[in-house]
Each structure stands twice: as C-alpha cells, then as structure tokens.
Amino acid sequence: MQKLLILIILLEFAFLSSFAQPTDHRTGNWIGAIRIIGGADLPIYFRITGDSLSGYKGDWNSPVEKALGLPYKTLTISGDSLLIDMSGIVASYRGRYLPGLDSVRGAWKQNGEVCL
C-alpha cells in the first residue's frame, strides 16, 4: 500500500510539473546557411535558450570561419518574430518562425548587404 501511495505521489508530481514549465519551441539549436557571393553557402548555427519570462539568450557559430560561441548583442523574440543583432561584427538576422515553430525564414544583413 505504501509503495502504491509513493507511486501515485510521484506520478502526480510529474503530471503537475509538466504543466508548470511549458516548452518554448522557439528555443533550441537552429541551423541555417547564408548564401554568399559566388553562390556558396556558409553554415550558421544559432543557439537560443531561456523563455519569455526570464528572457532569451544564446550564442552563434560560423564553424567554417572557426567562429564559435559568439555572443548576441541583442536577441528579441516577440510572437513569431526573431531579431538578432550580432556582437563584434556589423550584422543582424531578422526572421519569422513558420507555422509549427520548426523553421525560421529570414534574412542576414552584414555591412549593409542582405543575404538570404
């Protein structure tokens, strides 16, 4: 009887905690590519953590350029909009989460030039 009671308490805790912290599907690791002059694709990785209550943070990588763990200057997520300003270079990314929140479509802007 005691084991059954403990199991019920544990299941209830797991059930309640799943509602206490909803998953924000806009966070995670996002992989994309920038089309550069000459038609080559440069892979870019965005890591986004946090949530709308505590704020979003993260970093980005350009592995081909051996640029890893670069901080964002600003990271803003509002509704389906994603706005990132890079730190250390004059670049930004503006995008929208597509329905289902499994893809983002946007544009990379660096030194005044827009790359898709």
C-alpha atoms as a PDB file:
ATOM      1  CA  MET A   1       0.000   0.000   0.000  1.00  0.00           C
ATOM      2  CA  GLN A   2       2.847   2.385   0.884  1.00  0.00           C
ATOM      3  CA  LYS A   3       4.573   1.718  -2.490  1.00  0.00           C
ATOM      4  CA  LEU A   4       1.324   2.455  -4.323  1.00  0.00           C
ATOM      5  CA  LEU A   5       0.913   5.743  -2.441  1.00  0.00           C
ATOM      6  CA  ILE A   6       4.502   6.779  -3.268  1.00  0.00           C
ATOM      7  CA  LEU A   7       3.943   5.905  -6.946  1.00  0.00           C
ATOM      8  CA  ILE A   8       0.741   7.966  -7.055  1.00  0.00           C
ATOM      9  CA  ILE A   9       2.509  10.952  -5.462  1.00  0.00           C
ATOM     10  CA  LEU A  10       5.407  10.702  -7.938  1.00  0.00           C
ATOM     11  CA  LEU A  11       3.062  10.444 -10.914  1.00  0.00           C
ATOM     12  CA  GLU A  12       1.058  13.432  -9.666  1.00  0.00           C
ATOM     13  CA  PHE A  13       4.244  15.483  -9.251  1.00  0.00           C
ATOM     14  CA  ALA A  14       5.412  14.569 -12.772  1.00  0.00           C
ATOM     15  CA  PHE A  15       1.989  15.466 -14.174  1.00  0.00           C
ATOM     16  CA  LEU A  16       1.863  18.837 -12.394  1.00  0.00           C
ATOM     17  CA  SER A  17       5.453  19.773 -13.211  1.00  0.00           C
ATOM     18  CA  SER A  18       4.799  19.165 -16.903  1.00  0.00           C
ATOM     19  CA  PHE A  19       2.238  21.994 -16.747  1.00  0.00           C
ATOM     20  CA  ALA A  20       4.369  24.243 -14.562  1.00  0.00           C
ATOM     21  CA  GLN A  21       7.084  24.735 -17.178  1.00  0.00           C
ATOM     22  CA  PRO A  22       5.699  24.876 -20.708  1.00  0.00           C
ATOM     23  CA  THR A  23       8.161  24.224 -23.500  1.00  0.00           C
ATOM     24  CA  ASP A  24       9.060  27.204 -25.657  1.00  0.00           C
ATOM     25  CA  HIS A  25       9.577  25.717 -29.108  1.00  0.00           C
ATOM     26  CA  ARG A  26      11.302  28.881 -30.300  1.00  0.00           C
ATOM     27  CA  THR A  27      14.396  27.929 -28.292  1.00  0.00           C
ATOM     28  CA  GLY A  28      16.963  25.312 -29.195  1.00  0.00           C
ATOM     29  CA  ASN A  29      19.636  24.878 -31.819  1.00  0.00           C
ATOM     30  CA  TRP A  30      18.824  26.354 -35.222  1.00  0.00           C
ATOM     31  CA  ILE A  31      20.937  25.571 -38.283  1.00  0.00           C
ATOM     32  CA  GLY A  32      20.910  27.560 -41.499  1.00  0.00           C
ATOM     33  CA  ALA A  33      23.102  28.843 -44.277  1.00  0.00           C
ATOM     34  CA  ILE A  34      23.957  32.227 -45.720  1.00  0.00           C
ATOM     35  CA  ARG A  35      24.283  32.416 -49.496  1.00  0.00           C
ATOM     36  CA  ILE A  36      27.495  34.365 -50.068  1.00  0.00           C
ATOM     37  CA  ILE A  37      28.964  35.984 -53.179  1.00  0.00           C
ATOM     38  CA  GLY A  38      29.815  33.281 -55.680  1.00  0.00           C
ATOM     39  CA  GLY A  39      26.823  31.165 -54.702  1.00  0.00           C
ATOM     40  CA  ALA A  40      28.443  29.179 -51.880  1.00  0.00           C
ATOM     41  CA  ASP A  41      26.504  28.500 -48.671  1.00  0.00           C
ATOM     42  CA  LEU A  42      28.071  29.416 -45.331  1.00  0.00           C
ATOM     43  CA  PRO A  43      26.567  27.370 -42.455  1.00  0.00           C
ATOM     44  CA  ILE A  44      25.416  29.356 -39.408  1.00  0.00           C
ATOM     45  CA  TYR A  45      24.256  27.914 -36.090  1.00  0.00           C
ATOM     46  CA  PHE A  46      22.089  29.849 -33.616  1.00  0.00           C
ATOM     47  CA  ARG A  47      21.630  28.585 -30.056  1.00  0.00           C
ATOM     48  CA  ILE A  48      18.689  30.115 -28.203  1.00  0.00           C
ATOM     49  CA  THR A  49      17.896  29.387 -24.563  1.00  0.00           C
ATOM     50  CA  GLY A  50      15.594  30.886 -21.952  1.00  0.00           C
ATOM     51  CA  ASP A  51      11.934  31.791 -22.168  1.00  0.00           C
ATOM     52  CA  SER A  52       9.606  34.761 -22.404  1.00  0.00           C
ATOM     53  CA  LEU A  53       9.512  35.158 -18.614  1.00  0.00           C
ATOM     54  CA  SER A  54      13.231  35.147 -17.820  1.00  0.00           C
ATOM     55  CA  GLY A  55      14.414  36.419 -21.199  1.00  0.00           C
ATOM     56  CA  TYR A  56      16.167  34.812 -24.136  1.00  0.00           C
ATOM     57  CA  LYS A  57      19.906  34.418 -24.563  1.00  0.00           C
ATOM     58  CA  GLY A  58      22.324  32.328 -26.536  1.00  0.00           C
ATOM     59  CA  ASP A  59      25.199  32.429 -28.955  1.00  0.00           C
ATOM     60  CA  TRP A  60      26.002  31.676 -32.559  1.00  0.00           C
ATOM     61  CA  ASN A  61      28.622  29.816 -34.560  1.00  0.00           C
ATOM     62  CA  SER A  62      30.116  30.032 -38.017  1.00  0.00           C
ATOM     63  CA  PRO A  63      32.174  26.819 -37.992  1.00  0.00           C
ATOM     64  CA  VAL A  64      33.716  27.275 -41.455  1.00  0.00           C
ATOM     65  CA  GLU A  65      35.187  30.565 -40.225  1.00  0.00           C
ATOM     66  CA  LYS A  66      36.144  28.915 -36.909  1.00  0.00           C
ATOM     67  CA  ALA A  67      33.984  31.477 -35.099  1.00  0.00           C
ATOM     68  CA  LEU A  68      32.401  29.605 -32.188  1.00  0.00           C
ATOM     69  CA  GLY A  69      30.335  30.661 -29.181  1.00  0.00           C
ATOM     70  CA  LEU A  70      29.933  34.268 -30.310  1.00  0.00           C
ATOM     71  CA  PRO A  71      27.521  36.259 -28.118  1.00  0.00           C
ATOM     72  CA  TYR A  72      24.494  38.117 -29.386  1.00  0.00           C
ATOM     73  CA  LYS A  73      24.437  41.866 -28.863  1.00  0.00           C
ATOM     74  CA  THR A  74      20.638  41.636 -28.606  1.00  0.00           C
ATOM     75  CA  LEU A  75      18.165  38.792 -29.037  1.00  0.00           C
ATOM     76  CA  THR A  76      14.461  39.541 -29.236  1.00  0.00           C
ATOM     77  CA  ILE A  77      11.646  37.075 -29.740  1.00  0.00           C
ATOM     78  CA  SER A  78       8.161  38.507 -29.980  1.00  0.00           C
ATOM     79  CA  GLY A  79       5.319  36.370 -31.276  1.00  0.00           C
ATOM     80  CA  ASP A  80       6.618  34.787 -34.468  1.00  0.00           C
ATOM     81  CA  SER A  81       9.414  37.375 -34.950  1.00  0.00           C
ATOM     82  CA  LEU A  82      13.091  36.660 -34.278  1.00  0.00           C
ATOM     83  CA  LEU A  83      15.503  39.619 -34.200  1.00  0.00           C
ATOM     84  CA  ILE A  84      19.212  39.091 -33.543  1.00  0.00           C
ATOM     85  CA  ASP A  85      21.976  41.681 -33.596  1.00  0.00           C
ATOM     86  CA  MET A  86      25.462  40.207 -33.551  1.00  0.00           C
ATOM     87  CA  SER A  87      28.189  41.375 -31.232  1.00  0.00           C
ATOM     88  CA  GLY A  88      31.631  42.120 -32.659  1.00  0.00           C
ATOM     89  CA  ILE A  89      30.519  42.492 -36.291  1.00  0.00           C
ATOM     90  CA  VAL A  90      28.009  44.718 -38.051  1.00  0.00           C
ATOM     91  CA  ALA A  91      25.445  42.008 -38.755  1.00  0.00           C
ATOM     92  CA  SER A  92      21.891  41.090 -37.896  1.00  0.00           C
ATOM     93  CA  TYR A  93      19.325  38.412 -38.592  1.00  0.00           C
ATOM     94  CA  ARG A  94      15.613  39.163 -38.958  1.00  0.00           C
ATOM     95  CA  GLY A  95      13.251  36.247 -39.347  1.00  0.00           C
ATOM     96  CA  ARG A  96       9.848  34.759 -38.667  1.00  0.00           C
ATOM     97  CA  TYR A  97       9.049  31.400 -37.150  1.00  0.00           C
ATOM     98  CA  LEU A  98       6.945  29.458 -39.634  1.00  0.00           C
ATOM     99  CA  PRO A  99       3.745  27.680 -38.531  1.00  0.00           C
ATOM    100  CA  GLY A 100       4.627  24.700 -36.366  1.00  0.00           C
ATOM    101  CA  LEU A 101       7.665  26.578 -34.991  1.00  0.00           C
ATOM    102  CA  ASP A 102      10.043  24.099 -36.628  1.00  0.00           C
ATOM    103  CA  SER A 103      11.546  26.529 -39.158  1.00  0.00           C
ATOM    104  CA  VAL A 104      12.573  30.167 -39.351  1.00  0.00           C
ATOM    105  CA  ARG A 105      12.704  32.155 -42.589  1.00  0.00           C
ATOM    106  CA  GLY A 106      14.565  35.431 -42.687  1.00  0.00           C
ATOM    107  CA  ALA A 107      17.482  37.464 -43.923  1.00  0.00           C
ATOM    108  CA  TRP A 108      21.047  38.010 -42.738  1.00  0.00           C
ATOM    109  CA  LYS A 109      22.313  41.555 -43.131  1.00  0.00           C
ATOM    110  CA  GLN A 110      26.027  42.335 -42.853  1.00  0.00           C
ATOM    111  CA  ASN A 111      27.709  45.667 -43.586  1.00  0.00           C
ATOM    112  CA  GLY A 112      24.550  46.867 -45.322  1.00  0.00           C
ATOM    113  CA  GLU A 113      24.306  43.843 -47.645  1.00  0.00           C
ATOM    114  CA  VAL A 114      21.342  41.470 -47.349  1.00  0.00           C
ATOM    115  CA  CYS A 115      21.961  37.739 -47.775  1.00  0.00           C
ATOM    116  CA  LEU A 116      19.135  35.210 -47.720  1.00  0.00           C
END
